[in-house]
């Protein structure tokens, strides 16, 4: 029996892909000017942590964290300017789930303060029972650690939860955590996501209501 729903943030509840790519473009222009990013590379930045991404371009961890901070600076400006909107029915699904008594959590590779800001800007934070972000675990998706921590915080068993995401890492992490996996069809990485065989693929966030009802 499903008692709770966990959501990814970027690309799942909020339409942050354009902002994320802009911030990466600015960071690479400033700190990795020799790198010419392809469109495929830019899309590959959607999902992994900043450390995972920048580590592909330098072995100098001090420089990785310098790039991390540089990206966060640009991202903070975009959040402050309310440039990241929620997807259609994001608030509606969270509200309906809460009304029906389900626990609702957020599991993201984003730092907590930035995740909260994205939720607040779209009026979504009030529906979230718990948040597990970059700050809270050592091993990030596709490792199951963050999802298992969320289950523990909600006092639920992993098989009582589903995880909704837009990236292959979300699907892999859910499977490793023994949770049902749900992919969103509006993902920028939908073809790769489908290769991981999620338990469900939804076109609209409100479709989650049918999944929790049947389980």
C-alpha atoms as a PDB file:
ATOM      1  CA  UNK A   1       0.000   0.000   0.000  1.00  0.00           C
ATOM      2  CA  UNK A   2       1.405   3.382  -1.027  1.00  0.00           C
ATOM      3  CA  UNK A   3       1.426   5.886   1.818  1.00  0.00           C
ATOM      4  CA  UNK A   4       3.669   8.590   0.424  1.00  0.00           C
ATOM      5  CA  UNK A   5       5.087  10.182  -2.709  1.00  0.00           C
ATOM      6  CA  UNK A   6       8.620  11.506  -3.124  1.00  0.00           C
ATOM      7  CA  UNK A   7       9.408  14.002  -5.865  1.00  0.00           C
ATOM      8  CA  UNK A   8      12.544  15.163  -7.585  1.00  0.00           C
ATOM      9  CA  UNK A   9      12.573  18.945  -8.039  1.00  0.00           C
ATOM     10  CA  UNK A  10      14.301  20.199 -11.182  1.00  0.00           C
ATOM     11  CA  UNK A  11      12.602  18.959 -14.321  1.00  0.00           C
ATOM     12  CA  UNK A  12       9.856  17.288 -12.293  1.00  0.00           C
ATOM     13  CA  UNK A  13       8.043  19.908 -10.208  1.00  0.00           C
ATOM     14  CA  UNK A  14       9.702  23.047 -11.549  1.00  0.00           C
ATOM     15  CA  UNK A  15      10.670  23.779 -15.135  1.00  0.00           C
ATOM     16  CA  UNK A  16      14.252  24.665 -14.356  1.00  0.00           C
ATOM     17  CA  UNK A  17      16.059  23.204 -17.384  1.00  0.00           C
ATOM     18  CA  UNK A  18      16.426  26.541 -19.250  1.00  0.00           C
ATOM     19  CA  UNK A  19      17.752  28.207 -16.087  1.00  0.00           C
ATOM     20  CA  UNK A  20      20.137  25.347 -15.281  1.00  0.00           C
ATOM     21  CA  UNK A  21      21.584  25.384 -18.774  1.00  0.00           C
ATOM     22  CA  UNK A  22      21.981  29.188 -18.716  1.00  0.00           C
ATOM     23  CA  UNK A  23      23.852  28.999 -15.409  1.00  0.00           C
ATOM     24  CA  UNK A  24      26.143  26.268 -16.699  1.00  0.00           C
ATOM     25  CA  UNK A  25      26.833  28.257 -19.886  1.00  0.00           C
ATOM     26  CA  UNK A  26      27.836  31.297 -17.812  1.00  0.00           C
ATOM     27  CA  UNK A  27      29.990  29.210 -15.462  1.00  0.00           C
ATOM     28  CA  UNK A  28      31.800  27.433 -18.292  1.00  0.00           C
ATOM     29  CA  UNK A  29      32.348  30.727 -20.131  1.00  0.00           C
ATOM     30  CA  UNK A  30      33.977  32.189 -17.021  1.00  0.00           C
ATOM     31  CA  UNK A  31      35.907  29.201 -15.651  1.00  0.00           C
ATOM     32  CA  UNK A  32      36.247  26.684 -18.501  1.00  0.00           C
ATOM     33  CA  UNK A  33      36.526  28.979 -21.548  1.00  0.00           C
ATOM     34  CA  UNK A  34      38.398  26.319 -23.521  1.00  0.00           C
ATOM     35  CA  UNK A  35      35.419  23.935 -23.341  1.00  0.00           C
ATOM     36  CA  UNK A  36      32.910  24.106 -26.189  1.00  0.00           C
ATOM     37  CA  UNK A  37      29.716  22.548 -24.898  1.00  0.00           C
ATOM     38  CA  UNK A  38      27.493  20.540 -27.231  1.00  0.00           C
ATOM     39  CA  UNK A  39      23.725  20.498 -26.809  1.00  0.00           C
ATOM     40  CA  UNK A  40      23.962  16.855 -25.696  1.00  0.00           C
ATOM     41  CA  UNK A  41      26.472  17.801 -23.005  1.00  0.00           C
ATOM     42  CA  UNK A  42      24.217  20.571 -21.756  1.00  0.00           C
ATOM     43  CA  UNK A  43      21.315  18.163 -21.423  1.00  0.00           C
ATOM     44  CA  UNK A  44      23.566  15.739 -19.537  1.00  0.00           C
ATOM     45  CA  UNK A  45      23.923  18.395 -16.818  1.00  0.00           C
ATOM     46  CA  UNK A  46      20.238  17.978 -15.919  1.00  0.00           C
ATOM     47  CA  UNK A  47      20.120  15.566 -12.989  1.00  0.00           C
ATOM     48  CA  UNK A  48      23.628  14.962 -11.589  1.00  0.00           C
ATOM     49  CA  UNK A  49      25.027  17.031  -8.730  1.00  0.00           C
ATOM     50  CA  UNK A  50      27.230  20.017  -9.526  1.00  0.00           C
ATOM     51  CA  UNK A  51      30.242  18.192  -8.110  1.00  0.00           C
ATOM     52  CA  UNK A  52      29.582  15.182 -10.351  1.00  0.00           C
ATOM     53  CA  UNK A  53      29.320  17.446 -13.388  1.00  0.00           C
ATOM     54  CA  UNK A  54      32.319  19.710 -12.825  1.00  0.00           C
ATOM     55  CA  UNK A  55      34.508  16.735 -11.837  1.00  0.00           C
ATOM     56  CA  UNK A  56      34.274  15.565 -15.436  1.00  0.00           C
ATOM     57  CA  UNK A  57      36.177  18.658 -16.551  1.00  0.00           C
ATOM     58  CA  UNK A  58      38.914  18.946 -13.916  1.00  0.00           C
ATOM     59  CA  UNK A  59      40.668  16.736 -11.363  1.00  0.00           C
ATOM     60  CA  UNK A  60      41.339  19.767  -9.143  1.00  0.00           C
ATOM     61  CA  UNK A  61      38.691  19.510  -6.418  1.00  0.00           C
ATOM     62  CA  UNK A  62      39.371  23.075  -5.273  1.00  0.00           C
ATOM     63  CA  UNK A  63      38.510  24.215  -8.779  1.00  0.00           C
ATOM     64  CA  UNK A  64      35.433  21.962  -8.790  1.00  0.00           C
ATOM     65  CA  UNK A  65      34.130  23.734  -5.691  1.00  0.00           C
ATOM     66  CA  UNK A  66      35.065  27.107  -7.145  1.00  0.00           C
ATOM     67  CA  UNK A  67      32.892  26.242 -10.159  1.00  0.00           C
ATOM     68  CA  UNK A  68      30.207  24.980  -7.760  1.00  0.00           C
ATOM     69  CA  UNK A  69      30.097  28.353  -5.980  1.00  0.00           C
ATOM     70  CA  UNK A  70      30.194  30.237  -9.281  1.00  0.00           C
ATOM     71  CA  UNK A  71      27.206  28.273 -10.585  1.00  0.00           C
ATOM     72  CA  UNK A  72      25.284  28.822  -7.322  1.00  0.00           C
ATOM     73  CA  UNK A  73      25.886  32.579  -7.640  1.00  0.00           C
ATOM     74  CA  UNK A  74      24.228  32.623 -11.067  1.00  0.00           C
ATOM     75  CA  UNK A  75      21.460  30.277  -9.946  1.00  0.00           C
ATOM     76  CA  UNK A  76      20.690  32.426  -6.901  1.00  0.00           C
ATOM     77  CA  UNK A  77      20.183  35.448  -9.140  1.00  0.00           C
ATOM     78  CA  UNK A  78      17.739  33.502 -11.308  1.00  0.00           C
ATOM     79  CA  UNK A  79      15.803  32.279  -8.256  1.00  0.00           C
ATOM     80  CA  UNK A  80      15.732  35.792  -6.831  1.00  0.00           C
ATOM     81  CA  UNK A  81      14.220  37.008 -10.094  1.00  0.00           C
ATOM     82  CA  UNK A  82      11.540  34.275 -10.023  1.00  0.00           C
ATOM     83  CA  UNK A  83      12.720  32.967 -13.379  1.00  0.00           C
ATOM     84  CA  UNK A  84      11.911  29.306 -12.648  1.00  0.00           C
ATOM     85  CA  UNK A  85       8.207  28.405 -12.963  1.00  0.00           C
ATOM     86  CA  UNK A  86       6.439  25.261 -11.772  1.00  0.00           C
ATOM     87  CA  UNK A  87       5.177  22.699 -14.262  1.00  0.00           C
ATOM     88  CA  UNK A  88       1.421  22.548 -14.945  1.00  0.00           C
ATOM     89  CA  UNK A  89      -0.485  20.891 -12.082  1.00  0.00           C
ATOM     90  CA  UNK A  90       2.538  20.810  -9.756  1.00  0.00           C
ATOM     91  CA  UNK A  91       0.616  22.597  -7.014  1.00  0.00           C
ATOM     92  CA  UNK A  92      -2.587  20.713  -7.825  1.00  0.00           C
ATOM     93  CA  UNK A  93      -1.014  17.269  -7.347  1.00  0.00           C
ATOM     94  CA  UNK A  94       0.725  18.225  -4.107  1.00  0.00           C
ATOM     95  CA  UNK A  95      -2.485  19.709  -2.727  1.00  0.00           C
ATOM     96  CA  UNK A  96      -4.568  16.661  -3.703  1.00  0.00           C
ATOM     97  CA  UNK A  97      -2.063  14.221  -2.213  1.00  0.00           C
ATOM     98  CA  UNK A  98      -2.019  16.093   1.087  1.00  0.00           C
ATOM     99  CA  UNK A  99      -5.828  16.252   1.153  1.00  0.00           C
ATOM    100  CA  UNK A 100      -5.963  12.493   0.680  1.00  0.00           C
ATOM    101  CA  UNK A 101      -3.584  11.907   3.583  1.00  0.00           C
ATOM    102  CA  UNK A 102      -0.417  10.944   1.710  1.00  0.00           C
ATOM    103  CA  UNK A 103       3.009  11.994   2.990  1.00  0.00           C
ATOM    104  CA  UNK A 104       4.877  14.156   0.500  1.00  0.00           C
ATOM    105  CA  UNK A 105       8.644  14.551   0.327  1.00  0.00           C
ATOM    106  CA  UNK A 106      11.244  16.149  -1.909  1.00  0.00           C
ATOM    107  CA  UNK A 107      14.521  14.397  -2.786  1.00  0.00           C
ATOM    108  CA  UNK A 108      16.844  16.530  -4.881  1.00  0.00           C
ATOM    109  CA  UNK A 109      20.519  16.877  -5.777  1.00  0.00           C
ATOM    110  CA  UNK A 110      20.140  20.619  -5.192  1.00  0.00           C
ATOM    111  CA  UNK A 111      21.335  22.341  -2.009  1.00  0.00           C
ATOM    112  CA  UNK A 112      18.552  22.717   0.547  1.00  0.00           C
ATOM    113  CA  UNK A 113      18.372  26.498   0.534  1.00  0.00           C
ATOM    114  CA  UNK A 114      18.099  26.655  -3.256  1.00  0.00           C
ATOM    115  CA  UNK A 115      15.508  23.871  -3.340  1.00  0.00           C
ATOM    116  CA  UNK A 116      13.404  25.670  -0.740  1.00  0.00           C
ATOM    117  CA  UNK A 117      13.656  28.914  -2.695  1.00  0.00           C
ATOM    118  CA  UNK A 118      12.427  27.228  -5.882  1.00  0.00           C
ATOM    119  CA  UNK A 119       9.495  25.739  -3.974  1.00  0.00           C
ATOM    120  CA  UNK A 120       8.665  28.972  -2.168  1.00  0.00           C
ATOM    121  CA  UNK A 121       8.702  31.002  -5.375  1.00  0.00           C
ATOM    122  CA  UNK A 122       5.976  28.725  -6.740  1.00  0.00           C
ATOM    123  CA  UNK A 123       3.936  28.341  -3.555  1.00  0.00           C
ATOM    124  CA  UNK A 124       4.840  24.660  -3.177  1.00  0.00           C
ATOM    125  CA  UNK A 125       6.891  24.513   0.031  1.00  0.00           C
ATOM    126  CA  UNK A 126       3.808  24.389   2.279  1.00  0.00           C
ATOM    127  CA  UNK A 127       2.887  20.975   0.868  1.00  0.00           C
ATOM    128  CA  UNK A 128       6.279  19.343   1.511  1.00  0.00           C
ATOM    129  CA  UNK A 129       6.648  17.270   4.691  1.00  0.00           C
ATOM    130  CA  UNK A 130      10.381  16.602   4.389  1.00  0.00           C
ATOM    131  CA  UNK A 131      13.255  17.649   2.132  1.00  0.00           C
ATOM    132  CA  UNK A 132      16.438  15.695   1.437  1.00  0.00           C
ATOM    133  CA  UNK A 133      18.969  17.659  -0.564  1.00  0.00           C
ATOM    134  CA  UNK A 134      22.638  17.821  -1.521  1.00  0.00           C
ATOM    135  CA  UNK A 135      23.525  18.822   2.057  1.00  0.00           C
ATOM    136  CA  UNK A 136      21.957  15.769   3.693  1.00  0.00           C
ATOM    137  CA  UNK A 137      23.733  12.728   2.235  1.00  0.00           C
ATOM    138  CA  UNK A 138      27.227  11.808   1.125  1.00  0.00           C
ATOM    139  CA  UNK A 139      26.248   9.506  -1.730  1.00  0.00           C
ATOM    140  CA  UNK A 140      23.846  11.078  -4.203  1.00  0.00           C
ATOM    141  CA  UNK A 141      21.573   9.624  -6.873  1.00  0.00           C
ATOM    142  CA  UNK A 142      21.821   7.126  -8.514  1.00  0.00           C
ATOM    143  CA  UNK A 143      22.798   5.795  -5.061  1.00  0.00           C
ATOM    144  CA  UNK A 144      19.649   5.104  -3.010  1.00  0.00           C
ATOM    145  CA  UNK A 145      20.879   6.913   0.126  1.00  0.00           C
ATOM    146  CA  UNK A 146      18.824  10.091  -0.238  1.00  0.00           C
ATOM    147  CA  UNK A 147      15.607   8.168  -0.929  1.00  0.00           C
ATOM    148  CA  UNK A 148      16.188   5.832   1.998  1.00  0.00           C
ATOM    149  CA  UNK A 149      16.844   8.825   4.250  1.00  0.00           C
ATOM    150  CA  UNK A 150      13.547  10.340   3.108  1.00  0.00           C
ATOM    151  CA  UNK A 151      11.715   7.107   3.931  1.00  0.00           C
ATOM    152  CA  UNK A 152      13.280   7.095   7.380  1.00  0.00           C
ATOM    153  CA  UNK A 153      12.315  10.742   7.977  1.00  0.00           C
ATOM    154  CA  UNK A 154       8.720   9.965   7.011  1.00  0.00           C
ATOM    155  CA  UNK A 155       8.728   6.806   9.158  1.00  0.00           C
ATOM    156  CA  UNK A 156       7.641   4.762   6.136  1.00  0.00           C
ATOM    157  CA  UNK A 157       9.021   1.620   4.527  1.00  0.00           C
ATOM    158  CA  UNK A 158      10.620   2.115   1.083  1.00  0.00           C
ATOM    159  CA  UNK A 159       7.960  -0.074  -0.557  1.00  0.00           C
ATOM    160  CA  UNK A 160       5.293   2.279   0.815  1.00  0.00           C
ATOM    161  CA  UNK A 161       6.687   5.107  -1.320  1.00  0.00           C
ATOM    162  CA  UNK A 162       6.930   5.997  -4.993  1.00  0.00           C
ATOM    163  CA  UNK A 163       9.560   8.334  -6.431  1.00  0.00           C
ATOM    164  CA  UNK A 164       8.778  10.681  -9.304  1.00  0.00           C
ATOM    165  CA  UNK A 165      11.618  12.052 -11.431  1.00  0.00           C
ATOM    166  CA  UNK A 166      12.809  13.131 -14.856  1.00  0.00           C
ATOM    167  CA  UNK A 167      16.300  11.633 -15.022  1.00  0.00           C
ATOM    168  CA  UNK A 168      17.805   8.161 -15.344  1.00  0.00           C
ATOM    169  CA  UNK A 169      19.444   8.672 -11.944  1.00  0.00           C
ATOM    170  CA  UNK A 170      15.990   9.064 -10.398  1.00  0.00           C
ATOM    171  CA  UNK A 171      14.786   5.759 -11.818  1.00  0.00           C
ATOM    172  CA  UNK A 172      17.939   3.879 -10.850  1.00  0.00           C
ATOM    173  CA  UNK A 173      17.907   5.311  -7.326  1.00  0.00           C
ATOM    174  CA  UNK A 174      14.238   4.361  -6.854  1.00  0.00           C
ATOM    175  CA  UNK A 175      14.869   0.778  -7.963  1.00  0.00           C
ATOM    176  CA  UNK A 176      17.892   0.480  -5.672  1.00  0.00           C
ATOM    177  CA  UNK A 177      15.804   1.820  -2.789  1.00  0.00           C
ATOM    178  CA  UNK A 178      13.015  -0.698  -3.471  1.00  0.00           C
ATOM    179  CA  UNK A 179      10.539   2.028  -4.384  1.00  0.00           C
ATOM    180  CA  UNK A 180       8.229   2.171  -7.384  1.00  0.00           C
ATOM    181  CA  UNK A 181       9.717   4.502  -9.995  1.00  0.00           C
ATOM    182  CA  UNK A 182       7.736   7.071 -11.960  1.00  0.00           C
ATOM    183  CA  UNK A 183       9.186   8.960 -14.923  1.00  0.00           C
ATOM    184  CA  UNK A 184       7.690  12.127 -16.379  1.00  0.00           C
ATOM    185  CA  UNK A 185       7.178  12.141 -20.126  1.00  0.00           C
ATOM    186  CA  UNK A 186       8.084  15.831 -20.361  1.00  0.00           C
ATOM    187  CA  UNK A 187      11.672  14.974 -19.348  1.00  0.00           C
ATOM    188  CA  UNK A 188      14.427  16.353 -21.574  1.00  0.00           C
ATOM    189  CA  UNK A 189      16.055  12.931 -21.229  1.00  0.00           C
ATOM    190  CA  UNK A 190      12.928  10.856 -21.889  1.00  0.00           C
ATOM    191  CA  UNK A 191      14.575   8.432 -24.349  1.00  0.00           C
ATOM    192  CA  UNK A 192      17.360   7.543 -21.910  1.00  0.00           C
ATOM    193  CA  UNK A 193      14.889   7.445 -19.022  1.00  0.00           C
ATOM    194  CA  UNK A 194      12.722   4.880 -20.807  1.00  0.00           C
ATOM    195  CA  UNK A 195      15.749   2.600 -21.215  1.00  0.00           C
ATOM    196  CA  UNK A 196      15.791   2.213 -17.412  1.00  0.00           C
ATOM    197  CA  UNK A 197      12.253   0.744 -17.517  1.00  0.00           C
ATOM    198  CA  UNK A 198      10.497   2.849 -14.884  1.00  0.00           C
ATOM    199  CA  UNK A 199       7.414   1.253 -13.350  1.00  0.00           C
ATOM    200  CA  UNK A 200       5.286   4.097 -14.703  1.00  0.00           C
ATOM    201  CA  UNK A 201       5.616   6.966 -17.161  1.00  0.00           C
ATOM    202  CA  UNK A 202       3.152   9.824 -16.754  1.00  0.00           C
ATOM    203  CA  UNK A 203       2.166  12.614 -19.120  1.00  0.00           C
ATOM    204  CA  UNK A 204       0.665  14.830 -16.421  1.00  0.00           C
ATOM    205  CA  UNK A 205       1.573  15.120 -12.743  1.00  0.00           C
ATOM    206  CA  UNK A 206      -2.063  14.520 -11.807  1.00  0.00           C
ATOM    207  CA  UNK A 207      -1.699  10.993 -13.225  1.00  0.00           C
ATOM    208  CA  UNK A 208       0.052  10.147  -9.958  1.00  0.00           C
ATOM    209  CA  UNK A 209      -3.379   9.958  -8.312  1.00  0.00           C
ATOM    210  CA  UNK A 210      -4.215   6.885 -10.369  1.00  0.00           C
ATOM    211  CA  UNK A 211      -0.910   5.214  -9.439  1.00  0.00           C
ATOM    212  CA  UNK A 212      -1.276   5.648  -5.683  1.00  0.00           C
ATOM    213  CA  UNK A 213      -4.904   4.563  -5.859  1.00  0.00           C
ATOM    214  CA  UNK A 214      -4.129   1.289  -7.645  1.00  0.00           C
ATOM    215  CA  UNK A 215      -1.297   0.430  -5.279  1.00  0.00           C
END
